[in-house]
Amino acid sequence: MGGNGDSRLLKILHIDPERNWGGGEAQVFGLLTYLSRKGHHNVLVAHPNGALFERCRELNLKFRPFSMRNDLDLRAVPALRRLIHAEDFDIVHFHTKRAHALSLWLPRTKTRPKYVVTRRMDYPERRGWYSHWLYNKRVDGVVVISQAIGDLLAQAGVDRPKIRRISSGVDPERFKDDCSRRDGSNRVKTIGCIAGLEARKGQRFLLEAAASLKAQGFKLQYQLAGDGPLRPELENHATRLGLGDEVSFLGFVADPMVFLAAIDLFVMPSLFEGLGVAVLEAMAAGKPVIATRVGGLTESVIDGATGILVAPSDAAALASAIAKLARAPTLAAEMGRRGRERVLQHFTLEHMARQNESYYYELLS
């Protein structure tokens, strides 16, 4: 069953105190679905009002309600210590950065449980005694969803052998029916972006690119899905740029499949990005992708093959890339096809879950 030939079923404690943390919930749910199907004994300690807790009710899991206000909130430590002593887990997996600090206070012997943390965000880690003790001494493995995040941790002093890259994944079958154009043609008419409306996602530069393209005579529509603190500012910016008829702010979109079926080209103008699950979903739906050359986006998008990579904070480069695919619909369609193939080969939830399972066995051996 395991990657090293081990067939023993495992007892795994999963800790996720966040109520709502975006795409990471889908990754943990996918992992738990796979592990449950394989027969492993899973216990989920999660926020009782969180999306993950609710989604996992259909799985064969044991549940424990749990939440943390911040990294220093240690109220639940005594209960977790009792649970670990009682259940004799093989693996304790901390799925969010907020939960990582708990490993400093939980019990272990020389062999079990093995502590694994997952790091999804690409912000720098501060070098110092805390990160050294936490990641090099206290936990046994640090899963990162992209090489870019692994490099940031290594720069902060985390030992390279402790770092294991396991990319996020998506379920490509959910997007299978979205791979054809809405009107049967390949023309690029509608540009889409799904991301929180915050500075690090770079939508301001997409709006400026849209204004430039409008001035050049392109007749394109832009769908911006997502919500966040910058929404009023971005809406005002679109109005100032004269894009009132071209740009629609859709707010939170519950079903990305519906959104992706309505667009022809996906743009991710991020200034920072851990990996970009939204990009993987767009690729799974057969959409060509334009993304910035930052973080894990350089690992998911192959420049010139599955999409186009441009410099961050560069509206002119975004406009040029959009114009290129708008003028070459056959190229856009080919990039979309290759993007879906790449997801099928490297970025499925099944692939992600299998790699985590194999890593568990490797740590235990």
Foldseek 3Di string as FASTA:
>chain_A
DFPVPDLDAFEEEEEEADQDDPPLLVLVLLLQQVSQVSPHAYEYEYACNHPNVVVCPVGPYHYHHDHAPALPGCPCLVVVQVVCVVPVGQEYEYEEPSCLSSLVRHDADPFDNAYEYEDQFQDADAADDVLCCSQVPRHQAYEAQAVNSVVRSVVSPHDSVRYDYQHAFAALVVQAVLQAAPVRDLAFAEEEEEDAPDVQQQVLLVLVLVLVVVVVPRHHAYEYEEYYDCVVVSVVSNVVSVNPPRYDYDYHDPDVSVVLSHGAAYEGQGNEGQACVVVLNNLSNLFAYEYEPYHNVCVLAPDQQLYHYHHHPHSNRVNVRVVVCNVPSVSRNRSSVVSSVSSVVRHHSVSSSSVVSNVSVVSSD
